Amino acid sequence: MKFKKDFIWGAASASYQIEGAKLEDGKSLSVWDAYCMREGAIKKGENADIACDHYHRYKEDVQLMKQIGLQAYRFSTSWPRILPDGTGKI
């Protein structure tokens, strides 16, 4: 398969799958955090409390993306980081 010269290579991530830092900097539990804490809800009781620690390593991660030639990065932010109480001003 060949891609056009102007094809934009990129990466995407989802906050729960990569962030870690479950309760740092004022973040509250997300629906996924709470669900994974339920006994038997997830096989082997695994969770994303640390994940790949993108919350602390985002600068390194972005440098790696740059090194491999990515031109775009689509990411999400955990809503409990923005609205820890679930409501209020942003």
Protein backbone atom coordinates (compact mmCIF):
# COMPACT_ATOMS: atom_id res chain seq x y z
CA MET A 1 0.00 0.00 0.00
CA LYS A 2 1.29 3.45 -0.87
CA PHE A 3 0.26 6.72 0.69
CA LYS A 4 0.22 10.09 -1.04
CA LYS A 5 3.13 12.37 -0.25
CA ASP A 6 0.84 14.78 1.61
CA PHE A 7 -0.72 12.06 3.80
CA ILE A 8 -0.69 13.20 7.44
CA TRP A 9 0.53 10.54 9.84
CA GLY A 10 -0.74 10.84 13.38
CA ALA A 11 -1.63 9.09 16.60
CA ALA A 12 -4.63 9.11 18.91
CA SER A 13 -5.12 8.26 22.55
CA ALA A 14 -7.87 8.06 25.14
CA SER A 15 -7.27 9.60 28.56
CA TYR A 16 -8.26 6.60 30.69
CA GLN A 17 -6.06 4.26 28.67
CA ILE A 18 -2.86 6.31 28.96
CA GLU A 19 -2.97 9.01 31.66
CA GLY A 20 -2.54 7.26 34.98
CA ALA A 21 -2.30 9.75 37.89
CA LYS A 22 -5.73 8.60 39.04
CA LEU A 23 -6.25 11.13 41.85
CA GLU A 24 -3.51 13.69 41.25
CA ASP A 25 -3.87 17.46 40.94
CA GLY A 26 -7.48 17.52 42.10
CA LYS A 27 -8.81 14.84 39.73
CA SER A 28 -11.72 12.81 41.07
CA LEU A 29 -12.71 9.29 40.07
CA SER A 30 -14.07 8.73 36.59
CA VAL A 31 -16.81 6.24 35.80
CA TRP A 32 -14.08 3.84 34.59
CA ASP A 33 -12.01 4.31 37.77
CA ALA A 34 -15.04 3.44 39.88
CA TYR A 35 -16.05 0.51 37.67
CA CYS A 36 -12.57 -1.03 37.76
CA MET A 37 -12.61 -0.86 41.56
CA ARG A 38 -15.64 -3.19 41.69
CA GLU A 39 -14.55 -6.70 42.59
CA GLY A 40 -14.97 -9.02 39.61
CA ALA A 41 -15.80 -6.23 37.16
CA ILE A 42 -12.50 -6.51 35.29
CA LYS A 43 -10.56 -9.71 34.67
CA LYS A 44 -7.55 -9.97 37.01
CA GLY A 45 -8.67 -6.73 38.70
CA GLU A 46 -6.57 -4.66 36.31
CA ASN A 47 -6.99 -0.89 36.11
CA ALA A 48 -5.40 2.21 34.63
CA ASP A 49 -4.22 3.79 37.88
CA ILE A 50 -0.78 4.21 36.28
CA ALA A 51 -1.33 3.04 32.67
CA CYS A 52 1.67 4.25 30.63
CA ASP A 53 1.91 7.32 32.89
CA HIS A 54 1.31 9.81 30.08
CA TYR A 55 0.20 12.39 32.66
CA HIS A 56 3.78 12.62 33.90
CA ARG A 57 5.56 11.65 30.67
CA TYR A 58 3.61 13.61 28.04
CA LYS A 59 6.63 15.72 27.07
CA GLU A 60 8.71 12.59 26.42
CA ASP A 61 5.80 10.97 24.58
CA VAL A 62 5.34 13.99 22.31
CA GLN A 63 9.09 14.01 21.57
CA LEU A 64 8.86 10.33 20.59
CA MET A 65 5.96 11.15 18.26
CA LYS A 66 8.03 13.91 16.72
CA GLN A 67 11.04 11.58 16.32
CA ILE A 68 9.01 9.06 14.34
CA GLY A 69 7.59 11.77 12.11
CA LEU A 70 4.01 12.07 13.33
CA GLN A 71 2.33 15.30 12.29
CA ALA A 72 -0.89 15.06 14.29
CA TYR A 73 -1.95 13.92 17.75
CA ARG A 74 -5.59 13.58 18.83
CA PHE A 75 -6.00 13.16 22.57
CA SER A 76 -8.73 13.33 25.14
CA THR A 77 -8.72 14.76 28.64
CA SER A 78 -10.42 13.10 31.56
CA TRP A 79 -13.51 15.15 32.50
CA PRO A 80 -12.90 14.56 36.23
CA ARG A 81 -9.68 16.59 35.76
CA ILE A 82 -11.72 19.51 34.41
CA LEU A 83 -14.79 19.16 36.64
CA PRO A 84 -13.70 17.14 39.70
CA ASP A 85 -17.11 17.58 41.36
CA GLY A 86 -18.99 16.69 38.19
CA THR A 87 -20.51 20.16 37.90
CA GLY A 88 -19.43 23.77 38.13
CA LYS A 89 -17.52 26.34 36.15
CA ILE A 90 -14.76 25.29 33.81
